[in-house]
Amino acid sequence: MIPPFDVAAALRGGVTGREHAWEFLRDFAAAWTGRPLRDGDGCSEGEWSAAEGALGLALPRALREGYALLGRRADLTAGQDPLVPPGELYVDNSYDGGVLVFRRENQDCASWGIPVGRIADEDPPVVVETADGWVPFLDRMSLAWVELVLSETLPASGHRYDACELPDELLPVLEAGYARVDLPDHPMWASADDSPLRWYAAPGRVLRRDGLGNHSWVHAGGQTAEHLAALRAELPGPWVC
């Protein structure tokens, strides 16, 4: 039996760099999906060469390394707002100077990308398109990979995922029973009321809280169905599933 994985403990002190991000993603994938990352789960050098040729850009190291690690793992990258395949990367010129889009909301309501002016950085910042235009998302691509995999794995987990609008009286229970994951606050694309996004975890359980106002939405996942059942019992809100 795989022991309960604790996202908060694994990221205590924050994501220190690219290699730390890849180590976390390997450990998380193995524990949460039961499928360790293997050769073939990532995109090939040939795909990258073709993408760079089509774009006329040399792509950042952190972007290439993430795709090479898990770019073909839809269970980690395409649960809700999927990763764009290398051959479909494009520059959106609605952002000042252009932005290289690598992720899109499932109904094309938002995009995530790297400012073209920072494309030469090894680990560049990421911006997100919102109703108010493009805004900063996270200051390093390696952080954005961690956030992407956490966010996309939850809805891809089927019966191990649930969501609810958490009643006010349960927020202290959440704060007391779950450790804050050391990821910076980052915006929700849909609405300022749903920002910032914050992550919490306990062994075998992980949650994303959208917004700080009353009745925040919480998206939750369990490493097993039993872990999710325990989470629902600890936070007895109006769960959707």
C-alpha atoms as a PDB file:
ATOM      1  CA  MET A   1       0.000   0.000   0.000  1.00  0.00           C
ATOM      2  CA  ILE A   2       1.273   3.470  -0.931  1.00  0.00           C
ATOM      3  CA  PRO A   3       1.498   5.632   2.209  1.00  0.00           C
ATOM      4  CA  PRO A   4      -0.588   8.827   2.319  1.00  0.00           C
ATOM      5  CA  PHE A   5       1.152  11.605   0.404  1.00  0.00           C
ATOM      6  CA  ASP A   6       1.247  14.993   2.110  1.00  0.00           C
ATOM      7  CA  VAL A   7       1.420  17.830  -0.430  1.00  0.00           C
ATOM      8  CA  ALA A   8       1.996  20.443   2.285  1.00  0.00           C
ATOM      9  CA  ALA A   9       4.938  18.541   3.764  1.00  0.00           C
ATOM     10  CA  ALA A  10       6.452  17.894   0.317  1.00  0.00           C
ATOM     11  CA  LEU A  11       6.324  21.610  -0.509  1.00  0.00           C
ATOM     12  CA  ARG A  12       7.237  22.977   2.909  1.00  0.00           C
ATOM     13  CA  GLY A  13       9.462  25.984   2.327  1.00  0.00           C
ATOM     14  CA  GLY A  14       8.097  26.471  -1.185  1.00  0.00           C
ATOM     15  CA  VAL A  15       9.263  25.332  -4.610  1.00  0.00           C
ATOM     16  CA  THR A  16      12.964  26.193  -4.540  1.00  0.00           C
ATOM     17  CA  GLY A  17      13.646  25.745  -8.251  1.00  0.00           C
ATOM     18  CA  ARG A  18      13.065  23.674 -11.354  1.00  0.00           C
ATOM     19  CA  GLU A  19      14.619  20.470 -10.039  1.00  0.00           C
ATOM     20  CA  HIS A  20      12.557  20.668  -6.860  1.00  0.00           C
ATOM     21  CA  ALA A  21       9.409  21.097  -8.972  1.00  0.00           C
ATOM     22  CA  TRP A  22      10.233  18.022 -11.084  1.00  0.00           C
ATOM     23  CA  GLU A  23      11.013  15.965  -7.967  1.00  0.00           C
ATOM     24  CA  PHE A  24       7.684  16.939  -6.409  1.00  0.00           C
ATOM     25  CA  LEU A  25       5.758  16.153  -9.598  1.00  0.00           C
ATOM     26  CA  ARG A  26       7.367  12.719  -9.877  1.00  0.00           C
ATOM     27  CA  ASP A  27       6.501  11.923  -6.256  1.00  0.00           C
ATOM     28  CA  PHE A  28       2.976  13.323  -6.544  1.00  0.00           C
ATOM     29  CA  ALA A  29       2.199  11.459  -9.778  1.00  0.00           C
ATOM     30  CA  ALA A  30       3.362   8.138  -8.340  1.00  0.00           C
ATOM     31  CA  ALA A  31       1.419   8.535  -5.091  1.00  0.00           C
ATOM     32  CA  TRP A  32      -1.761  10.201  -6.345  1.00  0.00           C
ATOM     33  CA  THR A  33      -2.330   8.304  -9.590  1.00  0.00           C
ATOM     34  CA  GLY A  34      -0.494   5.044  -8.931  1.00  0.00           C
ATOM     35  CA  ARG A  35       1.324   5.571 -12.244  1.00  0.00           C
ATOM     36  CA  PRO A  36       4.908   6.778 -11.803  1.00  0.00           C
ATOM     37  CA  LEU A  37       6.221   9.021 -14.564  1.00  0.00           C
ATOM     38  CA  ARG A  38       8.067   7.006 -17.213  1.00  0.00           C
ATOM     39  CA  ASP A  39       9.852   7.490 -20.518  1.00  0.00           C
ATOM     40  CA  GLY A  40       7.192   8.281 -23.084  1.00  0.00           C
ATOM     41  CA  ASP A  41       5.062  10.350 -20.701  1.00  0.00           C
ATOM     42  CA  GLY A  42       6.739  13.488 -21.974  1.00  0.00           C
ATOM     43  CA  CYS A  43       6.969  15.245 -25.327  1.00  0.00           C
ATOM     44  CA  SER A  44       9.893  14.470 -27.604  1.00  0.00           C
ATOM     45  CA  GLU A  45      12.800  16.625 -28.755  1.00  0.00           C
ATOM     46  CA  GLY A  46      11.418  16.371 -32.278  1.00  0.00           C
ATOM     47  CA  GLU A  47       8.136  17.929 -31.195  1.00  0.00           C
ATOM     48  CA  TRP A  48      10.031  20.784 -29.573  1.00  0.00           C
ATOM     49  CA  SER A  49      12.215  21.413 -32.588  1.00  0.00           C
ATOM     50  CA  ALA A  50       9.128  21.563 -34.807  1.00  0.00           C
ATOM     51  CA  ALA A  51       7.320  23.898 -32.389  1.00  0.00           C
ATOM     52  CA  GLU A  52      10.293  26.250 -32.117  1.00  0.00           C
ATOM     53  CA  GLY A  53      10.652  26.297 -35.876  1.00  0.00           C
ATOM     54  CA  ALA A  54       6.981  27.147 -36.374  1.00  0.00           C
ATOM     55  CA  LEU A  55       7.057  29.867 -33.718  1.00  0.00           C
ATOM     56  CA  GLY A  56      10.477  31.268 -34.580  1.00  0.00           C
ATOM     57  CA  LEU A  57      11.279  31.248 -30.846  1.00  0.00           C
ATOM     58  CA  ALA A  58      13.688  29.365 -28.602  1.00  0.00           C
ATOM     59  CA  LEU A  59      11.448  28.173 -25.788  1.00  0.00           C
ATOM     60  CA  PRO A  60      12.314  28.508 -22.071  1.00  0.00           C
ATOM     61  CA  ARG A  61      14.088  25.684 -20.308  1.00  0.00           C
ATOM     62  CA  ALA A  62      11.411  25.341 -17.604  1.00  0.00           C
ATOM     63  CA  LEU A  63       8.702  25.027 -20.254  1.00  0.00           C
ATOM     64  CA  ARG A  64      10.611  22.384 -22.222  1.00  0.00           C
ATOM     65  CA  GLU A  65      11.576  20.372 -19.140  1.00  0.00           C
ATOM     66  CA  GLY A  66       7.989  20.226 -17.872  1.00  0.00           C
ATOM     67  CA  TYR A  67       6.653  19.067 -21.224  1.00  0.00           C
ATOM     68  CA  ALA A  68       9.485  16.522 -21.483  1.00  0.00           C
ATOM     69  CA  LEU A  69       8.550  15.143 -18.057  1.00  0.00           C
ATOM     70  CA  LEU A  70       4.763  14.798 -18.326  1.00  0.00           C
ATOM     71  CA  GLY A  71       3.405  16.543 -21.413  1.00  0.00           C
ATOM     72  CA  ARG A  72       1.573  13.418 -22.577  1.00  0.00           C
ATOM     73  CA  ARG A  73      -0.046  12.614 -19.215  1.00  0.00           C
ATOM     74  CA  ALA A  74      -3.619  13.861 -19.673  1.00  0.00           C
ATOM     75  CA  ASP A  75      -4.532  12.671 -16.166  1.00  0.00           C
ATOM     76  CA  LEU A  76      -2.039  15.222 -14.806  1.00  0.00           C
ATOM     77  CA  THR A  77      -2.454  18.048 -17.321  1.00  0.00           C
ATOM     78  CA  ALA A  78      -5.947  18.009 -18.831  1.00  0.00           C
ATOM     79  CA  GLY A  79      -8.585  17.512 -16.148  1.00  0.00           C
ATOM     80  CA  GLN A  80     -10.254  20.900 -16.657  1.00  0.00           C
ATOM     81  CA  ASP A  81      -8.089  23.578 -18.323  1.00  0.00           C
ATOM     82  CA  PRO A  82      -5.665  21.593 -20.450  1.00  0.00           C
ATOM     83  CA  LEU A  83      -2.055  22.008 -21.403  1.00  0.00           C
ATOM     84  CA  VAL A  84      -1.608  23.035 -25.048  1.00  0.00           C
ATOM     85  CA  PRO A  85       0.303  20.395 -27.101  1.00  0.00           C
ATOM     86  CA  PRO A  86       3.708  21.618 -28.370  1.00  0.00           C
ATOM     87  CA  GLY A  87       2.505  21.764 -31.970  1.00  0.00           C
ATOM     88  CA  GLU A  88      -0.382  24.061 -30.962  1.00  0.00           C
ATOM     89  CA  LEU A  89       1.573  26.628 -28.931  1.00  0.00           C
ATOM     90  CA  TYR A  90       0.951  30.143 -30.226  1.00  0.00           C
ATOM     91  CA  VAL A  91       1.606  33.790 -29.466  1.00  0.00           C
ATOM     92  CA  ASP A  92      -1.376  35.923 -28.392  1.00  0.00           C
ATOM     93  CA  ASN A  93      -0.704  39.508 -29.370  1.00  0.00           C
ATOM     94  CA  SER A  94      -3.455  40.963 -27.168  1.00  0.00           C
ATOM     95  CA  TYR A  95      -0.792  41.084 -24.451  1.00  0.00           C
ATOM     96  CA  ASP A  96       1.689  43.941 -24.781  1.00  0.00           C
ATOM     97  CA  GLY A  97       4.664  42.433 -26.603  1.00  0.00           C
ATOM     98  CA  GLY A  98       2.861  39.107 -27.020  1.00  0.00           C
ATOM     99  CA  VAL A  99       2.410  36.102 -24.763  1.00  0.00           C
ATOM    100  CA  LEU A 100       3.227  32.478 -25.546  1.00  0.00           C
ATOM    101  CA  VAL A 101       0.090  30.517 -24.597  1.00  0.00           C
ATOM    102  CA  PHE A 102       0.661  27.045 -23.101  1.00  0.00           C
ATOM    103  CA  ARG A 103      -2.661  26.378 -21.308  1.00  0.00           C
ATOM    104  CA  ARG A 104      -6.295  27.201 -22.092  1.00  0.00           C
ATOM    105  CA  GLU A 105      -9.523  27.141 -20.118  1.00  0.00           C
ATOM    106  CA  ASN A 106     -11.753  24.329 -21.393  1.00  0.00           C
ATOM    107  CA  GLN A 107     -14.332  26.714 -22.928  1.00  0.00           C
ATOM    108  CA  ASP A 108     -11.700  29.184 -24.177  1.00  0.00           C
ATOM    109  CA  CYS A 109     -12.596  31.717 -21.477  1.00  0.00           C
ATOM    110  CA  ALA A 110      -8.989  32.187 -20.299  1.00  0.00           C
ATOM    111  CA  SER A 111      -5.381  31.428 -21.168  1.00  0.00           C
ATOM    112  CA  TRP A 112      -2.076  31.089 -19.356  1.00  0.00           C
ATOM    113  CA  GLY A 113       1.176  32.093 -20.965  1.00  0.00           C
ATOM    114  CA  ILE A 114       4.717  33.457 -20.817  1.00  0.00           C
ATOM    115  CA  PRO A 115       5.390  37.055 -21.882  1.00  0.00           C
ATOM    116  CA  VAL A 116       7.462  36.954 -25.057  1.00  0.00           C
ATOM    117  CA  GLY A 117       9.706  39.630 -23.562  1.00  0.00           C
ATOM    118  CA  ARG A 118      10.766  37.088 -20.904  1.00  0.00           C
ATOM    119  CA  ILE A 119      11.017  34.088 -23.220  1.00  0.00           C
ATOM    120  CA  ALA A 120      14.811  33.956 -22.870  1.00  0.00           C
ATOM    121  CA  ASP A 121      14.576  33.390 -19.084  1.00  0.00           C
ATOM    122  CA  GLU A 122      15.244  29.839 -17.939  1.00  0.00           C
ATOM    123  CA  ASP A 123      12.295  29.955 -15.509  1.00  0.00           C
ATOM    124  CA  PRO A 124      10.153  32.901 -16.678  1.00  0.00           C
ATOM    125  CA  PRO A 125       7.033  34.396 -15.072  1.00  0.00           C
ATOM    126  CA  VAL A 126       3.528  33.365 -16.093  1.00  0.00           C
ATOM    127  CA  VAL A 127       0.496  35.576 -16.731  1.00  0.00           C
ATOM    128  CA  VAL A 128      -3.194  34.658 -16.976  1.00  0.00           C
ATOM    129  CA  GLU A 129      -5.951  36.203 -19.053  1.00  0.00           C
ATOM    130  CA  THR A 130      -8.914  37.328 -16.934  1.00  0.00           C
ATOM    131  CA  ALA A 131     -12.009  39.463 -17.396  1.00  0.00           C
ATOM    132  CA  ASP A 132      -9.734  42.414 -16.575  1.00  0.00           C
ATOM    133  CA  GLY A 133      -7.126  41.443 -19.152  1.00  0.00           C
ATOM    134  CA  TRP A 134      -3.750  39.794 -18.631  1.00  0.00           C
ATOM    135  CA  VAL A 135      -2.502  39.797 -15.019  1.00  0.00           C
ATOM    136  CA  PRO A 136       0.481  38.217 -13.219  1.00  0.00           C
ATOM    137  CA  PHE A 137      -0.173  34.608 -12.226  1.00  0.00           C
ATOM    138  CA  LEU A 138       3.040  33.157 -10.748  1.00  0.00           C
ATOM    139  CA  ASP A 139       6.563  34.513 -10.960  1.00  0.00           C
ATOM    140  CA  ARG A 140       8.176  31.272 -12.174  1.00  0.00           C
ATOM    141  CA  MET A 141       7.148  28.664 -14.736  1.00  0.00           C
ATOM    142  CA  SER A 142       8.273  25.895 -12.371  1.00  0.00           C
ATOM    143  CA  LEU A 143       5.646  27.097  -9.853  1.00  0.00           C
ATOM    144  CA  ALA A 144       3.037  27.181 -12.614  1.00  0.00           C
ATOM    145  CA  TRP A 145       3.780  23.530 -13.448  1.00  0.00           C
ATOM    146  CA  VAL A 146       3.093  22.524  -9.849  1.00  0.00           C
ATOM    147  CA  GLU A 147      -0.140  24.531  -9.761  1.00  0.00           C
ATOM    148  CA  LEU A 148      -1.231  23.156 -13.134  1.00  0.00           C
ATOM    149  CA  VAL A 149      -0.745  19.530 -12.106  1.00  0.00           C
ATOM    150  CA  LEU A 150      -2.513  19.985  -8.760  1.00  0.00           C
ATOM    151  CA  SER A 151      -5.450  21.788 -10.399  1.00  0.00           C
ATOM    152  CA  GLU A 152      -5.760  19.404 -13.344  1.00  0.00           C
ATOM    153  CA  THR A 153      -5.354  16.194 -11.350  1.00  0.00           C
ATOM    154  CA  LEU A 154      -8.271  16.960  -9.018  1.00  0.00           C
ATOM    155  CA  PRO A 155     -11.123  16.834 -11.579  1.00  0.00           C
ATOM    156  CA  ALA A 156      -9.392  14.023 -13.471  1.00  0.00           C
ATOM    157  CA  SER A 157      -9.572  11.854 -10.335  1.00  0.00           C
ATOM    158  CA  GLY A 158     -13.221  10.901 -10.854  1.00  0.00           C
ATOM    159  CA  HIS A 159     -14.755   9.528  -7.659  1.00  0.00           C
ATOM    160  CA  ARG A 160     -11.788  10.901  -5.668  1.00  0.00           C
ATOM    161  CA  TYR A 161     -12.769  14.532  -6.413  1.00  0.00           C
ATOM    162  CA  ASP A 162     -15.529  16.763  -5.059  1.00  0.00           C
ATOM    163  CA  ALA A 163     -16.340  20.458  -4.623  1.00  0.00           C
ATOM    164  CA  CYS A 164     -18.584  22.606  -2.474  1.00  0.00           C
ATOM    165  CA  GLU A 165     -19.333  26.160  -1.415  1.00  0.00           C
ATOM    166  CA  LEU A 166     -17.987  25.857   2.103  1.00  0.00           C
ATOM    167  CA  PRO A 167     -20.182  27.447   4.807  1.00  0.00           C
ATOM    168  CA  ASP A 168     -18.567  30.188   6.874  1.00  0.00           C
ATOM    169  CA  GLU A 169     -18.622  28.141  10.073  1.00  0.00           C
ATOM    170  CA  LEU A 170     -16.432  25.453   8.495  1.00  0.00           C
ATOM    171  CA  LEU A 171     -13.600  27.799   7.478  1.00  0.00           C
ATOM    172  CA  PRO A 172     -11.977  27.611  10.960  1.00  0.00           C
ATOM    173  CA  VAL A 173     -12.183  23.815  10.715  1.00  0.00           C
ATOM    174  CA  LEU A 174     -10.359  23.946   7.388  1.00  0.00           C
ATOM    175  CA  GLU A 175      -7.689  26.278   8.747  1.00  0.00           C
ATOM    176  CA  ALA A 176      -7.166  24.162  11.868  1.00  0.00           C
ATOM    177  CA  GLY A 177      -7.158  20.731  10.243  1.00  0.00           C
ATOM    178  CA  TYR A 178      -5.260  21.364   7.029  1.00  0.00           C
ATOM    179  CA  ALA A 179      -1.820  22.884   6.554  1.00  0.00           C
ATOM    180  CA  ARG A 180      -1.403  25.741   4.095  1.00  0.00           C
ATOM    181  CA  VAL A 181       0.636  24.592   1.091  1.00  0.00           C
ATOM    182  CA  ASP A 182       3.642  26.849   0.449  1.00  0.00           C
ATOM    183  CA  LEU A 183       2.543  28.144  -2.942  1.00  0.00           C
ATOM    184  CA  PRO A 184       2.123  31.896  -3.444  1.00  0.00           C
ATOM    185  CA  ASP A 185      -1.374  33.345  -3.698  1.00  0.00           C
ATOM    186  CA  HIS A 186      -2.413  33.460  -7.350  1.00  0.00           C
ATOM    187  CA  PRO A 187      -5.497  34.770  -9.155  1.00  0.00           C
ATOM    188  CA  MET A 188      -8.570  32.898 -10.315  1.00  0.00           C
ATOM    189  CA  TRP A 189      -9.227  33.886 -13.925  1.00  0.00           C
ATOM    190  CA  ALA A 190     -13.019  34.000 -13.640  1.00  0.00           C
ATOM    191  CA  SER A 191     -13.548  36.674 -10.992  1.00  0.00           C
ATOM    192  CA  ALA A 192     -11.746  38.843  -8.474  1.00  0.00           C
ATOM    193  CA  ASP A 193     -14.227  37.524  -5.895  1.00  0.00           C
ATOM    194  CA  ASP A 194     -12.788  34.021  -6.435  1.00  0.00           C
ATOM    195  CA  SER A 195      -9.202  35.186  -5.808  1.00  0.00           C
ATOM    196  CA  PRO A 196      -6.727  34.438  -4.486  1.00  0.00           C
ATOM    197  CA  LEU A 197      -6.366  30.700  -4.926  1.00  0.00           C
ATOM    198  CA  ARG A 198      -4.845  28.997  -1.889  1.00  0.00           C
ATOM    199  CA  TRP A 199      -3.959  25.346  -1.350  1.00  0.00           C
ATOM    200  CA  TYR A 200      -4.284  23.251   1.812  1.00  0.00           C
ATOM    201  CA  ALA A 201      -3.381  19.648   2.526  1.00  0.00           C
ATOM    202  CA  ALA A 202      -3.272  16.823   5.032  1.00  0.00           C
ATOM    203  CA  PRO A 203      -1.890  13.314   4.438  1.00  0.00           C
ATOM    204  CA  GLY A 204      -3.826  11.826   1.523  1.00  0.00           C
ATOM    205  CA  ARG A 205      -5.994  14.951   1.066  1.00  0.00           C
ATOM    206  CA  VAL A 206      -5.572  18.202  -0.850  1.00  0.00           C
ATOM    207  CA  LEU A 207      -7.867  21.227  -1.265  1.00  0.00           C
ATOM    208  CA  ARG A 208      -7.922  24.424  -3.274  1.00  0.00           C
ATOM    209  CA  ARG A 209      -9.840  27.334  -1.753  1.00  0.00           C
ATOM    210  CA  ASP A 210     -11.059  29.924  -4.274  1.00  0.00           C
ATOM    211  CA  GLY A 211     -11.348  33.370  -2.691  1.00  0.00           C
ATOM    212  CA  LEU A 212     -11.302  34.656   0.863  1.00  0.00           C
ATOM    213  CA  GLY A 213     -14.893  35.863   1.182  1.00  0.00           C
ATOM    214  CA  ASN A 214     -17.828  34.150   2.780  1.00  0.00           C
ATOM    215  CA  HIS A 215     -18.834  30.813   1.342  1.00  0.00           C
ATOM    216  CA  SER A 216     -15.588  30.214  -0.553  1.00  0.00           C
ATOM    217  CA  TRP A 217     -15.631  27.425  -3.081  1.00  0.00           C
ATOM    218  CA  VAL A 218     -13.395  24.493  -2.191  1.00  0.00           C
ATOM    219  CA  HIS A 219     -12.152  21.878  -4.657  1.00  0.00           C
ATOM    220  CA  ALA A 220     -10.952  18.738  -2.908  1.00  0.00           C
ATOM    221  CA  GLY A 221      -9.277  15.478  -3.770  1.00  0.00           C
ATOM    222  CA  GLY A 222      -8.297  12.305  -1.997  1.00  0.00           C
ATOM    223  CA  GLN A 223      -5.434   9.975  -2.721  1.00  0.00           C
ATOM    224  CA  THR A 224      -8.047   7.225  -2.291  1.00  0.00           C
ATOM    225  CA  ALA A 225     -11.838   7.232  -2.080  1.00  0.00           C
ATOM    226  CA  GLU A 226     -11.456   6.659   1.661  1.00  0.00           C
ATOM    227  CA  HIS A 227      -9.316   9.788   2.006  1.00  0.00           C
ATOM    228  CA  LEU A 228     -11.979  11.854   0.230  1.00  0.00           C
ATOM    229  CA  ALA A 229     -14.700  10.367   2.437  1.00  0.00           C
ATOM    230  CA  ALA A 230     -12.701  11.380   5.512  1.00  0.00           C
ATOM    231  CA  LEU A 231     -12.310  14.899   4.123  1.00  0.00           C
ATOM    232  CA  ARG A 232     -16.056  15.201   3.532  1.00  0.00           C
ATOM    233  CA  ALA A 233     -16.709  14.026   7.100  1.00  0.00           C
ATOM    234  CA  GLU A 234     -14.248  16.579   8.491  1.00  0.00           C
ATOM    235  CA  LEU A 235     -15.781  19.378   6.388  1.00  0.00           C
ATOM    236  CA  PRO A 236     -19.474  18.438   6.163  1.00  0.00           C
ATOM    237  CA  GLY A 237     -20.480  21.014   3.565  1.00  0.00           C
ATOM    238  CA  PRO A 238     -22.953  20.737   0.673  1.00  0.00           C
ATOM    239  CA  TRP A 239     -20.650  18.622  -1.493  1.00  0.00           C
ATOM    240  CA  VAL A 240     -21.597  18.413  -5.158  1.00  0.00           C
ATOM    241  CA  CYS A 241     -20.920  14.722  -5.762  1.00  0.00           C
END
